[in-house]
Amino acid sequence: MPYLEQAGFDSATLIRTFDLRYDLISALVERQCPETHTFHFPCGECIVTLDDVALQLGLPIDGSPVTGVTAFTEPDALCYQLLGDSPNDDESNFTGLKFTWLKVKFGQLLANATERELMCAARTYITHIIGGVLMPDSNNNKVHIIYIPLLANLTNVCSYSWGSAVLAVMYRELCQTAKPSVVDMGRCLILLQSWALYRMPFLASVTHQPYVYPLINRWSTYPGIGRSYIVSIYRLTIEQHAGEGIGNCSYDTLVCLRSFSNVVH
């Protein structure tokens, strides 16, 4: 759909989900320091950066901040105007859209759809990607309507730094998860896991997976990451091997891969 490319979400639509290794993520979160927003390893400190977000997810990292209001007086009207429909929620001032409703809406697109219907479907699909893949909460069943006004003009969507937003909410979630009372973690865990596997390949029992773009898709095809381990094994593995240094190889070669991918598409 050309509107997805126009909005700068064409690469993000290629993201394929894969199994999350929660024990691996737990072993990483245990090493996170809220004061510095970094992971502490035997070799030093390390963290996910904007470059990682750009290559792993294919999102723009330059541009205006992703901001907006959190409360709307007429959410129904907003949804009708930009998504072409409203969920008719029992609450008059609802703030979230269920993923099941969003899937039905962009799945009903007809071959002879009008330009407005195509644009509404594109906004609905992008909204689903934002809430379901890029910035999901721990419940992972709804997406906040705060993002919908930012999609009004699809040509301007790419002017926002969506990559910065994904990274910011992940940093905040990591800080929250460091609290003893917090047991669940949301946000873009596939980014955190893929980053860890790229920087610390010893965490994956399969290391010959081909590089693709976005990089995160490297782990979505068989055999994927390979064997899974319990958290104590991941802790021990990190302690034993991270002292040799965290992978700090350049993304330059992979930038060429992204450029080639853009030409192909």
C-alpha atoms as a PDB file:
ATOM      1  CA  MET A   1       0.000   0.000   0.000  1.00  0.00           C
ATOM      2  CA  PRO A   2       1.636   3.289  -1.103  1.00  0.00           C
ATOM      3  CA  TYR A   3       0.273   5.167   1.894  1.00  0.00           C
ATOM      4  CA  LEU A   4       2.351   3.007   4.261  1.00  0.00           C
ATOM      5  CA  GLU A   5       5.507   3.907   2.348  1.00  0.00           C
ATOM      6  CA  GLN A   6       4.451   7.549   2.275  1.00  0.00           C
ATOM      7  CA  ALA A   7       4.088   7.473   6.056  1.00  0.00           C
ATOM      8  CA  GLY A   8       7.536   5.912   6.521  1.00  0.00           C
ATOM      9  CA  PHE A   9       6.114   2.694   7.967  1.00  0.00           C
ATOM     10  CA  ASP A  10       6.788   0.439   4.980  1.00  0.00           C
ATOM     11  CA  SER A  11       9.792  -1.205   6.681  1.00  0.00           C
ATOM     12  CA  ALA A  12       7.952  -1.537   9.987  1.00  0.00           C
ATOM     13  CA  THR A  13       5.153  -3.432   8.235  1.00  0.00           C
ATOM     14  CA  LEU A  14       7.720  -6.094   7.282  1.00  0.00           C
ATOM     15  CA  ILE A  15       8.453  -6.906  10.928  1.00  0.00           C
ATOM     16  CA  ARG A  16       7.601 -10.506  11.736  1.00  0.00           C
ATOM     17  CA  THR A  17       7.112 -11.470  15.348  1.00  0.00           C
ATOM     18  CA  PHE A  18       9.012 -14.350  16.898  1.00  0.00           C
ATOM     19  CA  ASP A  19       9.093 -16.190  20.194  1.00  0.00           C
ATOM     20  CA  LEU A  20      10.195 -14.092  23.115  1.00  0.00           C
ATOM     21  CA  ARG A  21      12.626 -15.710  25.520  1.00  0.00           C
ATOM     22  CA  TYR A  22      11.394 -14.208  28.766  1.00  0.00           C
ATOM     23  CA  ASP A  23      14.172 -15.817  30.792  1.00  0.00           C
ATOM     24  CA  LEU A  24      16.724 -14.106  28.537  1.00  0.00           C
ATOM     25  CA  ILE A  25      14.928 -10.771  28.918  1.00  0.00           C
ATOM     26  CA  SER A  26      14.813 -11.245  32.699  1.00  0.00           C
ATOM     27  CA  ALA A  27      18.563 -11.862  32.769  1.00  0.00           C
ATOM     28  CA  LEU A  28      19.066  -8.579  30.896  1.00  0.00           C
ATOM     29  CA  VAL A  29      16.641  -6.537  32.997  1.00  0.00           C
ATOM     30  CA  GLU A  30      18.434  -7.646  36.159  1.00  0.00           C
ATOM     31  CA  ARG A  31      21.522  -5.829  34.881  1.00  0.00           C
ATOM     32  CA  GLN A  32      19.716  -2.578  34.104  1.00  0.00           C
ATOM     33  CA  CYS A  33      20.649   0.490  36.168  1.00  0.00           C
ATOM     34  CA  PRO A  34      17.812   3.077  36.375  1.00  0.00           C
ATOM     35  CA  GLU A  35      20.238   5.899  37.197  1.00  0.00           C
ATOM     36  CA  THR A  36      22.266   5.525  34.003  1.00  0.00           C
ATOM     37  CA  HIS A  37      19.669   3.746  31.815  1.00  0.00           C
ATOM     38  CA  THR A  38      22.353   1.195  30.916  1.00  0.00           C
ATOM     39  CA  PHE A  39      22.957  -2.521  31.315  1.00  0.00           C
ATOM     40  CA  HIS A  40      25.967  -3.335  33.485  1.00  0.00           C
ATOM     41  CA  PHE A  41      28.129  -6.171  32.155  1.00  0.00           C
ATOM     42  CA  PRO A  42      31.540  -7.503  33.242  1.00  0.00           C
ATOM     43  CA  CYS A  43      33.134  -5.563  30.365  1.00  0.00           C
ATOM     44  CA  GLY A  44      31.306  -2.287  31.073  1.00  0.00           C
ATOM     45  CA  GLU A  45      27.989  -0.597  30.301  1.00  0.00           C
ATOM     46  CA  CYS A  46      25.841  -0.930  27.189  1.00  0.00           C
ATOM     47  CA  ILE A  47      22.361   0.077  26.030  1.00  0.00           C
ATOM     48  CA  VAL A  48      20.076   0.088  23.010  1.00  0.00           C
ATOM     49  CA  THR A  49      20.652   3.221  20.887  1.00  0.00           C
ATOM     50  CA  LEU A  50      18.800   5.021  18.107  1.00  0.00           C
ATOM     51  CA  ASP A  51      21.064   3.375  15.527  1.00  0.00           C
ATOM     52  CA  ASP A  52      19.907   0.013  16.857  1.00  0.00           C
ATOM     53  CA  VAL A  53      16.273   1.071  16.548  1.00  0.00           C
ATOM     54  CA  ALA A  54      16.736   2.304  12.966  1.00  0.00           C
ATOM     55  CA  LEU A  55      18.348  -0.931  11.758  1.00  0.00           C
ATOM     56  CA  GLN A  56      16.440  -3.384  13.920  1.00  0.00           C
ATOM     57  CA  LEU A  57      12.964  -1.929  13.268  1.00  0.00           C
ATOM     58  CA  GLY A  58      13.390   0.248  10.179  1.00  0.00           C
ATOM     59  CA  LEU A  59      11.891   3.323  11.844  1.00  0.00           C
ATOM     60  CA  PRO A  60      12.796   6.995  11.287  1.00  0.00           C
ATOM     61  CA  ILE A  61      14.945   8.363  14.130  1.00  0.00           C
ATOM     62  CA  ASP A  62      15.058  12.004  13.036  1.00  0.00           C
ATOM     63  CA  GLY A  63      12.277  14.555  13.156  1.00  0.00           C
ATOM     64  CA  SER A  64       9.681  15.934  15.542  1.00  0.00           C
ATOM     65  CA  PRO A  65       8.923  14.282  18.886  1.00  0.00           C
ATOM     66  CA  VAL A  66       5.903  12.008  19.137  1.00  0.00           C
ATOM     67  CA  THR A  67       3.618  13.880  21.537  1.00  0.00           C
ATOM     68  CA  GLY A  68      -0.088  14.481  21.977  1.00  0.00           C
ATOM     69  CA  VAL A  69      -3.011  14.822  24.356  1.00  0.00           C
ATOM     70  CA  THR A  70      -4.113  11.809  26.385  1.00  0.00           C
ATOM     71  CA  ALA A  71      -7.808  12.675  26.727  1.00  0.00           C
ATOM     72  CA  PHE A  72     -10.358  13.377  23.994  1.00  0.00           C
ATOM     73  CA  THR A  73     -13.849  14.797  24.418  1.00  0.00           C
ATOM     74  CA  GLU A  74     -15.174  13.075  21.284  1.00  0.00           C
ATOM     75  CA  PRO A  75     -13.132   9.931  20.568  1.00  0.00           C
ATOM     76  CA  ASP A  76     -15.941   8.560  18.393  1.00  0.00           C
ATOM     77  CA  ALA A  77     -15.704  11.530  16.043  1.00  0.00           C
ATOM     78  CA  LEU A  78     -11.919  11.207  15.901  1.00  0.00           C
ATOM     79  CA  CYS A  79     -12.132   7.532  14.917  1.00  0.00           C
ATOM     80  CA  TYR A  80     -14.834   8.152  12.313  1.00  0.00           C
ATOM     81  CA  GLN A  81     -12.834  10.983  10.777  1.00  0.00           C
ATOM     82  CA  LEU A  82      -9.442   9.253  10.539  1.00  0.00           C
ATOM     83  CA  LEU A  83     -10.202   5.514  10.704  1.00  0.00           C
ATOM     84  CA  GLY A  84     -13.547   5.536   8.927  1.00  0.00           C
ATOM     85  CA  ASP A  85     -15.364   3.840  11.797  1.00  0.00           C
ATOM     86  CA  SER A  86     -15.659   3.722  15.576  1.00  0.00           C
ATOM     87  CA  PRO A  87     -15.767   0.726  17.922  1.00  0.00           C
ATOM     88  CA  ASN A  88     -18.972   2.067  19.538  1.00  0.00           C
ATOM     89  CA  ASP A  89     -17.440   1.495  22.932  1.00  0.00           C
ATOM     90  CA  ASP A  90     -19.777   1.453  25.919  1.00  0.00           C
ATOM     91  CA  GLU A  91     -17.729   4.270  27.417  1.00  0.00           C
ATOM     92  CA  SER A  92     -18.388   7.649  25.808  1.00  0.00           C
ATOM     93  CA  ASN A  93     -14.813   8.792  26.459  1.00  0.00           C
ATOM     94  CA  PHE A  94     -12.843   5.645  25.647  1.00  0.00           C
ATOM     95  CA  THR A  95      -9.075   6.032  25.239  1.00  0.00           C
ATOM     96  CA  GLY A  96      -8.052   2.717  23.694  1.00  0.00           C
ATOM     97  CA  LEU A  97      -8.848   0.595  20.646  1.00  0.00           C
ATOM     98  CA  LYS A  98      -8.829  -3.197  20.835  1.00  0.00           C
ATOM     99  CA  PHE A  99      -6.496  -5.004  18.451  1.00  0.00           C
ATOM    100  CA  THR A 100      -9.287  -7.389  17.495  1.00  0.00           C
ATOM    101  CA  TRP A 101     -11.365  -4.431  16.269  1.00  0.00           C
ATOM    102  CA  LEU A 102      -8.427  -2.913  14.376  1.00  0.00           C
ATOM    103  CA  LYS A 103      -7.670  -6.223  12.631  1.00  0.00           C
ATOM    104  CA  VAL A 104     -11.251  -6.524  11.454  1.00  0.00           C
ATOM    105  CA  LYS A 105     -11.220  -2.968  10.108  1.00  0.00           C
ATOM    106  CA  PHE A 106      -8.075  -3.181   7.937  1.00  0.00           C
ATOM    107  CA  GLY A 107      -8.940  -6.753   6.984  1.00  0.00           C
ATOM    108  CA  GLN A 108     -12.209  -5.654   5.365  1.00  0.00           C
ATOM    109  CA  LEU A 109     -10.568  -3.522   2.658  1.00  0.00           C
ATOM    110  CA  LEU A 110     -12.156  -4.182  -0.738  1.00  0.00           C
ATOM    111  CA  ALA A 111     -10.400  -4.268  -4.112  1.00  0.00           C
ATOM    112  CA  ASN A 112     -12.447  -1.290  -5.311  1.00  0.00           C
ATOM    113  CA  ALA A 113     -11.885   0.775  -2.158  1.00  0.00           C
ATOM    114  CA  THR A 114     -11.946   4.557  -2.491  1.00  0.00           C
ATOM    115  CA  GLU A 115      -8.929   6.747  -1.727  1.00  0.00           C
ATOM    116  CA  ARG A 116     -10.445   7.718   1.607  1.00  0.00           C
ATOM    117  CA  GLU A 117     -11.015   4.065   2.504  1.00  0.00           C
ATOM    118  CA  LEU A 118      -7.410   3.268   1.584  1.00  0.00           C
ATOM    119  CA  MET A 119      -6.130   6.102   3.746  1.00  0.00           C
ATOM    120  CA  CYS A 120      -8.319   5.044   6.676  1.00  0.00           C
ATOM    121  CA  ALA A 121      -7.095   1.451   6.309  1.00  0.00           C
ATOM    122  CA  ALA A 122      -3.474   2.649   6.290  1.00  0.00           C
ATOM    123  CA  ARG A 123      -4.036   4.654   9.490  1.00  0.00           C
ATOM    124  CA  THR A 124      -5.753   1.671  11.113  1.00  0.00           C
ATOM    125  CA  TYR A 125      -2.879  -0.641  10.171  1.00  0.00           C
ATOM    126  CA  ILE A 126      -0.231   1.800  11.416  1.00  0.00           C
ATOM    127  CA  THR A 127      -2.157   2.207  14.678  1.00  0.00           C
ATOM    128  CA  HIS A 128      -2.132  -1.576  15.080  1.00  0.00           C
ATOM    129  CA  ILE A 129       1.634  -1.720  14.446  1.00  0.00           C
ATOM    130  CA  ILE A 130       2.305   1.061  16.960  1.00  0.00           C
ATOM    131  CA  GLY A 131       0.302  -0.555  19.741  1.00  0.00           C
ATOM    132  CA  GLY A 132       0.858  -4.201  18.907  1.00  0.00           C
ATOM    133  CA  VAL A 133       4.535  -4.284  17.915  1.00  0.00           C
ATOM    134  CA  LEU A 134       6.378  -1.038  18.591  1.00  0.00           C
ATOM    135  CA  MET A 135       4.944   0.226  21.885  1.00  0.00           C
ATOM    136  CA  PRO A 136       2.676  -2.440  23.412  1.00  0.00           C
ATOM    137  CA  ASP A 137       1.761  -2.253  27.078  1.00  0.00           C
ATOM    138  CA  SER A 138       1.928  -5.220  29.428  1.00  0.00           C
ATOM    139  CA  ASN A 139      -1.731  -6.124  28.742  1.00  0.00           C
ATOM    140  CA  ASN A 140      -1.125  -6.062  24.971  1.00  0.00           C
ATOM    141  CA  ASN A 141      -4.801  -5.919  24.013  1.00  0.00           C
ATOM    142  CA  LYS A 142      -5.383  -2.227  23.245  1.00  0.00           C
ATOM    143  CA  VAL A 143      -3.624   0.776  21.725  1.00  0.00           C
ATOM    144  CA  HIS A 144      -4.136   4.319  23.018  1.00  0.00           C
ATOM    145  CA  ILE A 145      -5.838   6.723  20.623  1.00  0.00           C
ATOM    146  CA  ILE A 146      -3.205   9.381  21.378  1.00  0.00           C
ATOM    147  CA  TYR A 147      -1.382   8.353  18.192  1.00  0.00           C
ATOM    148  CA  ILE A 148      -4.322   8.671  15.794  1.00  0.00           C
ATOM    149  CA  PRO A 149      -4.233  12.496  15.366  1.00  0.00           C
ATOM    150  CA  LEU A 150      -0.559  12.199  14.360  1.00  0.00           C
ATOM    151  CA  LEU A 151      -1.671  10.051  11.413  1.00  0.00           C
ATOM    152  CA  ALA A 152      -4.130  12.600  10.024  1.00  0.00           C
ATOM    153  CA  ASN A 153      -1.787  13.739   7.250  1.00  0.00           C
ATOM    154  CA  LEU A 154      -0.052  10.574   6.057  1.00  0.00           C
ATOM    155  CA  THR A 155       2.643  12.535   4.226  1.00  0.00           C
ATOM    156  CA  ASN A 156       3.691  14.116   7.536  1.00  0.00           C
ATOM    157  CA  VAL A 157       3.806  10.887   9.553  1.00  0.00           C
ATOM    158  CA  CYS A 158       7.416  10.224   8.519  1.00  0.00           C
ATOM    159  CA  SER A 159       8.419  13.641   9.895  1.00  0.00           C
ATOM    160  CA  TYR A 160       8.064  12.260  13.437  1.00  0.00           C
ATOM    161  CA  SER A 161      10.876  10.415  15.166  1.00  0.00           C
ATOM    162  CA  TRP A 162       9.002   7.189  15.828  1.00  0.00           C
ATOM    163  CA  GLY A 163      12.239   5.417  16.639  1.00  0.00           C
ATOM    164  CA  SER A 164      12.931   7.890  19.449  1.00  0.00           C
ATOM    165  CA  ALA A 165       9.440   7.290  20.849  1.00  0.00           C
ATOM    166  CA  VAL A 166       9.935   3.517  20.864  1.00  0.00           C
ATOM    167  CA  LEU A 167      13.295   3.885  22.609  1.00  0.00           C
ATOM    168  CA  ALA A 168      11.985   6.405  25.155  1.00  0.00           C
ATOM    169  CA  VAL A 169       9.050   4.266  26.274  1.00  0.00           C
ATOM    170  CA  MET A 170      11.320   1.220  26.469  1.00  0.00           C
ATOM    171  CA  TYR A 171      13.779   3.124  28.691  1.00  0.00           C
ATOM    172  CA  ARG A 172      10.892   4.191  30.931  1.00  0.00           C
ATOM    173  CA  GLU A 173       9.562   0.639  31.100  1.00  0.00           C
ATOM    174  CA  LEU A 174      12.999  -0.703  32.014  1.00  0.00           C
ATOM    175  CA  CYS A 175      13.181   1.785  34.889  1.00  0.00           C
ATOM    176  CA  GLN A 176       9.724   0.755  36.085  1.00  0.00           C
ATOM    177  CA  THR A 177      10.589  -2.924  35.836  1.00  0.00           C
ATOM    178  CA  ALA A 178      13.603  -2.378  38.081  1.00  0.00           C
ATOM    179  CA  LYS A 179      11.191  -1.768  40.976  1.00  0.00           C
ATOM    180  CA  PRO A 180      10.689  -4.882  43.172  1.00  0.00           C
ATOM    181  CA  SER A 181       6.883  -4.508  43.088  1.00  0.00           C
ATOM    182  CA  VAL A 182       6.683  -4.709  39.272  1.00  0.00           C
ATOM    183  CA  VAL A 183       6.314  -8.210  37.823  1.00  0.00           C
ATOM    184  CA  ASP A 184       5.279  -7.560  34.200  1.00  0.00           C
ATOM    185  CA  MET A 185       7.065  -5.713  31.422  1.00  0.00           C
ATOM    186  CA  GLY A 186       5.659  -4.331  28.201  1.00  0.00           C
ATOM    187  CA  ARG A 187       6.923  -2.223  25.300  1.00  0.00           C
ATOM    188  CA  CYS A 188       9.107  -3.412  22.437  1.00  0.00           C
ATOM    189  CA  LEU A 189      10.607  -6.559  23.924  1.00  0.00           C
ATOM    190  CA  ILE A 190      11.384  -7.993  20.486  1.00  0.00           C
ATOM    191  CA  LEU A 191      13.732  -5.028  19.979  1.00  0.00           C
ATOM    192  CA  LEU A 192      15.466  -5.665  23.300  1.00  0.00           C
ATOM    193  CA  GLN A 193      15.832  -9.370  22.569  1.00  0.00           C
ATOM    194  CA  SER A 194      17.069  -8.912  18.999  1.00  0.00           C
ATOM    195  CA  TRP A 195      19.551  -6.252  20.138  1.00  0.00           C
ATOM    196  CA  ALA A 196      20.912  -8.640  22.778  1.00  0.00           C
ATOM    197  CA  LEU A 197      21.282 -11.484  20.276  1.00  0.00           C
ATOM    198  CA  TYR A 198      23.060  -9.220  17.789  1.00  0.00           C
ATOM    199  CA  ARG A 199      25.440  -7.704  20.355  1.00  0.00           C
ATOM    200  CA  MET A 200      25.924 -10.955  22.293  1.00  0.00           C
ATOM    201  CA  PRO A 201      25.649 -13.767  19.740  1.00  0.00           C
ATOM    202  CA  PHE A 202      26.695 -16.304  22.363  1.00  0.00           C
ATOM    203  CA  LEU A 203      23.128 -16.008  23.728  1.00  0.00           C
ATOM    204  CA  ALA A 204      21.720 -17.690  20.616  1.00  0.00           C
ATOM    205  CA  SER A 205      22.394 -21.372  20.059  1.00  0.00           C
ATOM    206  CA  VAL A 206      22.024 -20.700  16.302  1.00  0.00           C
ATOM    207  CA  THR A 207      24.345 -18.002  14.941  1.00  0.00           C
ATOM    208  CA  HIS A 208      24.333 -18.645  11.185  1.00  0.00           C
ATOM    209  CA  GLN A 209      21.028 -16.915  10.485  1.00  0.00           C
ATOM    210  CA  PRO A 210      21.277 -14.617   7.415  1.00  0.00           C
ATOM    211  CA  TYR A 211      21.019 -10.860   7.860  1.00  0.00           C
ATOM    212  CA  VAL A 212      17.804  -9.343   6.516  1.00  0.00           C
ATOM    213  CA  TYR A 213      16.160  -5.944   6.825  1.00  0.00           C
ATOM    214  CA  PRO A 214      14.738  -4.975   9.222  1.00  0.00           C
ATOM    215  CA  LEU A 215      17.378  -6.784  11.284  1.00  0.00           C
ATOM    216  CA  ILE A 216      14.816  -8.018  13.765  1.00  0.00           C
ATOM    217  CA  ASN A 217      13.501 -10.458  11.144  1.00  0.00           C
ATOM    218  CA  ARG A 218      16.761 -12.389  11.330  1.00  0.00           C
ATOM    219  CA  TRP A 219      15.284 -14.422  14.173  1.00  0.00           C
ATOM    220  CA  SER A 220      11.801 -14.992  12.736  1.00  0.00           C
ATOM    221  CA  THR A 221      12.748 -17.716  10.234  1.00  0.00           C
ATOM    222  CA  TYR A 222      13.639 -21.311  11.049  1.00  0.00           C
ATOM    223  CA  PRO A 223      15.652 -22.280  13.073  1.00  0.00           C
ATOM    224  CA  GLY A 224      15.410 -18.843  14.699  1.00  0.00           C
ATOM    225  CA  ILE A 225      17.244 -18.365  17.967  1.00  0.00           C
ATOM    226  CA  GLY A 226      17.564 -22.050  18.639  1.00  0.00           C
ATOM    227  CA  ARG A 227      17.365 -23.683  22.022  1.00  0.00           C
ATOM    228  CA  SER A 228      15.898 -21.813  24.988  1.00  0.00           C
ATOM    229  CA  TYR A 229      17.415 -21.817  28.482  1.00  0.00           C
ATOM    230  CA  ILE A 230      16.290 -20.977  31.991  1.00  0.00           C
ATOM    231  CA  VAL A 231      17.193 -17.614  33.484  1.00  0.00           C
ATOM    232  CA  SER A 232      20.029 -18.995  35.633  1.00  0.00           C
ATOM    233  CA  ILE A 233      21.773 -20.364  32.533  1.00  0.00           C
ATOM    234  CA  TYR A 234      21.431 -17.018  30.746  1.00  0.00           C
ATOM    235  CA  ARG A 235      22.868 -15.279  33.821  1.00  0.00           C
ATOM    236  CA  LEU A 236      25.838 -17.603  33.865  1.00  0.00           C
ATOM    237  CA  THR A 237      26.389 -17.319  30.108  1.00  0.00           C
ATOM    238  CA  ILE A 238      26.404 -13.520  30.247  1.00  0.00           C
ATOM    239  CA  GLU A 239      28.758 -13.542  33.225  1.00  0.00           C
ATOM    240  CA  GLN A 240      31.169 -15.920  31.516  1.00  0.00           C
ATOM    241  CA  HIS A 241      31.201 -14.454  28.010  1.00  0.00           C
ATOM    242  CA  ALA A 242      30.317 -10.766  28.335  1.00  0.00           C
ATOM    243  CA  GLY A 243      33.692 -10.183  29.964  1.00  0.00           C
ATOM    244  CA  GLU A 244      35.222 -10.720  26.537  1.00  0.00           C
ATOM    245  CA  GLY A 245      33.354  -7.634  25.331  1.00  0.00           C
ATOM    246  CA  ILE A 246      29.946  -6.839  23.907  1.00  0.00           C
ATOM    247  CA  GLY A 247      29.744  -6.982  20.131  1.00  0.00           C
ATOM    248  CA  ASN A 248      30.450  -3.464  18.898  1.00  0.00           C
ATOM    249  CA  CYS A 249      30.750  -4.161  15.191  1.00  0.00           C
ATOM    250  CA  SER A 250      29.723  -1.412  12.832  1.00  0.00           C
ATOM    251  CA  TYR A 251      26.314  -1.227  11.220  1.00  0.00           C
ATOM    252  CA  ASP A 252      27.897   0.126   8.015  1.00  0.00           C
ATOM    253  CA  THR A 253      27.514  -3.137   6.098  1.00  0.00           C
ATOM    254  CA  LEU A 254      23.928  -3.442   7.248  1.00  0.00           C
ATOM    255  CA  VAL A 255      23.149   0.114   6.141  1.00  0.00           C
ATOM    256  CA  CYS A 256      24.059  -1.097   2.643  1.00  0.00           C
ATOM    257  CA  LEU A 257      21.626  -3.972   3.180  1.00  0.00           C
ATOM    258  CA  ARG A 258      18.892  -1.476   4.066  1.00  0.00           C
ATOM    259  CA  SER A 259      19.638   0.596   0.960  1.00  0.00           C
ATOM    260  CA  PHE A 260      19.467  -2.513  -1.232  1.00  0.00           C
ATOM    261  CA  SER A 261      16.207  -3.541   0.427  1.00  0.00           C
ATOM    262  CA  ASN A 262      14.706  -0.133  -0.326  1.00  0.00           C
ATOM    263  CA  VAL A 263      15.684  -0.459  -3.991  1.00  0.00           C
ATOM    264  CA  VAL A 264      14.089  -3.905  -4.208  1.00  0.00           C
ATOM    265  CA  HIS A 265      10.832  -2.683  -2.653  1.00  0.00           C
END
